[in-house]
Amino acid sequence: MTKISVKFDIEIENIDKFIDYMEKSIPRAFDESMVESLDKGRRFAKDVAKGHVPVDTGALKKSIREIPIKKESNDIYTSGISAGGYIRNPKTNKLVDYQWRVEGEGITGLSDLAWTTEYGSSSSRPQPYMRPSIMSAWRRLGSFFRDSILRRLEKG
């Protein structure tokens, strides 16, 4: 049996500059990619919700809007979509009110037309439009983030 042994040294010039670059670039790319992916997810969820909401007077559909991205602390971002709050249902003259945010607690909501449309009531069947849009966007967040961070790191 023949045994071959190879020994070599690798010398990398300017490794300190490379390490500094990586220490600065990766956190910035991560933060920028997180914001971009949340932005895409939020827009996607809004578009899906507007496409699925049942329309009677149009007030509920018109009220669906984006909640801006907010950095709560070092690693926690919040964003979302909401419906209602400033649009009145022309039939009842009540504010259409329902909001959700993706946070530690998950989806949070309020009441009135938007809520009863989503979950139903004793006199109406549920017609979900917010939850499916949220889940659809949630499933895509990973790919939105992956595409964004890879693009930033490739630019490097």
Protein backbone atom coordinates (compact mmCIF):
# COMPACT_ATOMS: atom_id res chain seq x y z
CA MET A 1 0.00 0.00 0.00
CA THR A 2 1.30 3.42 -0.96
CA LYS A 3 0.81 6.26 1.47
CA ILE A 4 0.83 9.84 0.25
CA SER A 5 1.18 12.74 2.60
CA VAL A 6 0.77 16.37 1.62
CA LYS A 7 1.56 19.36 3.76
CA PHE A 8 0.94 22.98 2.82
CA ASP A 9 0.41 26.36 4.41
CA ILE A 10 -2.17 28.92 3.37
CA GLU A 11 -1.39 32.54 3.88
CA ILE A 12 -4.23 35.00 3.49
CA GLU A 13 -3.27 38.61 3.11
CA ASN A 14 -5.49 41.29 4.65
CA ILE A 15 -7.58 38.77 6.61
CA ASP A 16 -8.22 41.45 9.26
CA LYS A 17 -9.91 43.64 6.67
CA PHE A 18 -12.05 40.72 5.55
CA ILE A 19 -13.09 39.91 9.13
CA ASP A 20 -13.96 43.59 9.77
CA TYR A 21 -16.00 43.66 6.57
CA MET A 22 -17.93 40.52 7.54
CA GLU A 23 -18.59 41.76 11.08
CA LYS A 24 -20.12 44.95 9.69
CA SER A 25 -21.81 43.63 6.56
CA ILE A 26 -23.69 40.62 7.86
CA PRO A 27 -25.65 42.38 10.66
CA ARG A 28 -26.53 45.26 8.31
CA ALA A 29 -27.57 42.85 5.55
CA PHE A 30 -29.64 40.89 8.07
CA ASP A 31 -31.49 44.00 9.32
CA GLU A 32 -32.09 45.35 5.82
CA SER A 33 -33.29 41.95 4.61
CA MET A 34 -35.63 41.58 7.60
CA VAL A 35 -37.24 44.95 6.86
CA GLU A 36 -37.50 44.19 3.14
CA SER A 37 -39.06 40.75 3.69
CA LEU A 38 -41.57 42.12 6.23
CA ASP A 39 -42.45 44.86 3.76
CA LYS A 40 -43.03 42.32 0.98
CA GLY A 41 -45.00 40.06 3.32
CA ARG A 42 -47.17 42.93 4.51
CA ARG A 43 -47.96 44.08 0.95
CA PHE A 44 -48.65 40.49 -0.09
CA ALA A 45 -51.02 39.93 2.87
CA LYS A 46 -52.88 43.17 2.13
CA ASP A 47 -53.34 42.22 -1.53
CA VAL A 48 -54.55 38.71 -0.66
CA ALA A 49 -56.97 40.06 2.00
CA LYS A 50 -58.41 42.59 -0.46
CA GLY A 51 -58.83 39.79 -2.99
CA HIS A 52 -60.66 37.50 -0.53
CA VAL A 53 -62.80 39.88 1.52
CA PRO A 54 -66.51 39.58 0.73
CA VAL A 55 -67.88 42.85 -0.62
CA ASP A 56 -71.28 44.24 0.28
CA THR A 57 -70.80 47.99 0.63
CA GLY A 58 -67.04 47.98 -0.07
CA ALA A 59 -66.23 49.68 3.24
CA LEU A 60 -64.40 46.68 4.66
CA LYS A 61 -62.29 46.16 1.53
CA LYS A 62 -61.48 49.86 1.35
CA SER A 63 -60.35 49.86 4.98
CA ILE A 64 -57.67 47.15 4.55
CA ARG A 65 -54.29 48.84 4.85
CA GLU A 66 -50.69 48.27 5.91
CA ILE A 67 -49.28 48.84 9.41
CA PRO A 68 -45.75 50.27 9.06
CA ILE A 69 -42.75 48.23 10.16
CA LYS A 70 -41.56 49.10 13.63
CA LYS A 71 -38.36 47.95 15.32
CA GLU A 72 -39.47 47.22 18.88
CA SER A 73 -36.01 46.33 20.21
CA ASN A 74 -32.70 44.97 18.93
CA ASP A 75 -34.09 41.85 17.28
CA ILE A 76 -37.87 42.33 17.27
CA TYR A 77 -39.70 43.85 14.33
CA THR A 78 -43.47 44.20 14.04
CA SER A 79 -45.61 44.84 11.02
CA GLY A 80 -48.99 43.90 9.70
CA ILE A 81 -52.21 44.88 8.06
CA SER A 82 -55.42 46.16 9.55
CA ALA A 83 -58.98 46.72 8.51
CA GLY A 84 -61.31 49.37 9.80
CA GLY A 85 -60.82 52.05 12.37
CA TYR A 86 -61.49 54.98 10.06
CA ILE A 87 -64.09 53.64 7.61
CA ARG A 88 -67.76 53.52 8.56
CA ASN A 89 -70.07 50.79 7.38
CA PRO A 90 -72.73 52.69 5.39
CA LYS A 91 -75.47 50.28 6.56
CA THR A 92 -74.80 50.59 10.31
CA ASN A 93 -72.75 53.81 10.48
CA LYS A 94 -70.36 51.95 12.84
CA LEU A 95 -66.59 51.98 12.42
CA VAL A 96 -65.27 48.86 10.73
CA ASP A 97 -62.67 47.59 13.20
CA TYR A 98 -60.23 44.67 13.07
CA GLN A 99 -56.45 44.57 13.37
CA TRP A 100 -53.74 41.98 13.43
CA ARG A 101 -50.03 42.08 14.06
CA VAL A 102 -47.44 39.34 13.92
CA GLU A 103 -45.82 39.41 17.34
CA GLY A 104 -45.22 37.00 20.17
CA GLU A 105 -48.94 36.58 20.75
CA GLY A 106 -49.69 35.98 17.07
CA ILE A 107 -52.88 37.41 15.64
CA THR A 108 -54.87 39.93 17.67
CA GLY A 109 -58.26 41.29 16.69
CA LEU A 110 -61.04 43.64 17.68
CA SER A 111 -64.75 43.65 16.86
CA ASP A 112 -67.60 44.73 14.59
CA LEU A 113 -68.12 44.04 10.89
CA ALA A 114 -64.59 42.92 10.10
CA TRP A 115 -64.52 40.50 13.03
CA THR A 116 -67.94 38.98 12.37
CA THR A 117 -67.11 38.67 8.67
CA GLU A 118 -63.91 36.79 9.56
CA TYR A 119 -65.32 34.57 12.32
CA GLY A 120 -69.07 34.63 11.77
CA SER A 121 -71.80 35.19 14.33
CA SER A 122 -75.00 33.52 15.45
CA SER A 123 -76.67 34.87 12.31
CA SER A 124 -73.85 34.70 9.72
CA ARG A 125 -71.32 32.14 8.57
CA PRO A 126 -67.57 32.88 8.80
CA GLN A 127 -65.97 34.28 5.66
CA PRO A 128 -62.24 34.33 6.50
CA TYR A 129 -60.13 36.80 4.58
CA MET A 130 -57.54 38.12 7.08
CA ARG A 131 -56.34 34.81 8.54
CA PRO A 132 -55.77 33.19 5.13
CA SER A 133 -53.89 36.26 3.92
CA ILE A 134 -51.73 36.28 7.06
CA MET A 135 -50.93 32.58 6.78
CA SER A 136 -50.18 32.89 3.08
CA ALA A 137 -47.77 35.77 3.71
CA TRP A 138 -46.27 33.99 6.74
CA ARG A 139 -45.40 30.95 4.57
CA ARG A 140 -43.56 33.22 2.12
CA LEU A 141 -41.55 35.28 4.63
CA GLY A 142 -38.70 32.77 4.70
CA SER A 143 -38.21 32.87 0.93
CA PHE A 144 -38.58 36.67 0.88
CA PHE A 145 -35.83 36.88 3.52
CA ARG A 146 -33.58 34.31 1.86
CA ASP A 147 -33.76 36.07 -1.51
CA SER A 148 -33.09 39.45 0.06
CA ILE A 149 -30.10 38.47 2.19
CA LEU A 150 -28.47 36.43 -0.58
CA ARG A 151 -28.79 39.37 -2.95
CA ARG A 152 -27.17 41.69 -0.38
CA LEU A 153 -24.33 39.33 0.47
CA GLU A 154 -23.60 38.63 -3.21
CA LYS A 155 -23.29 42.37 -3.85
CA GLY A 156 -20.84 42.53 -0.95
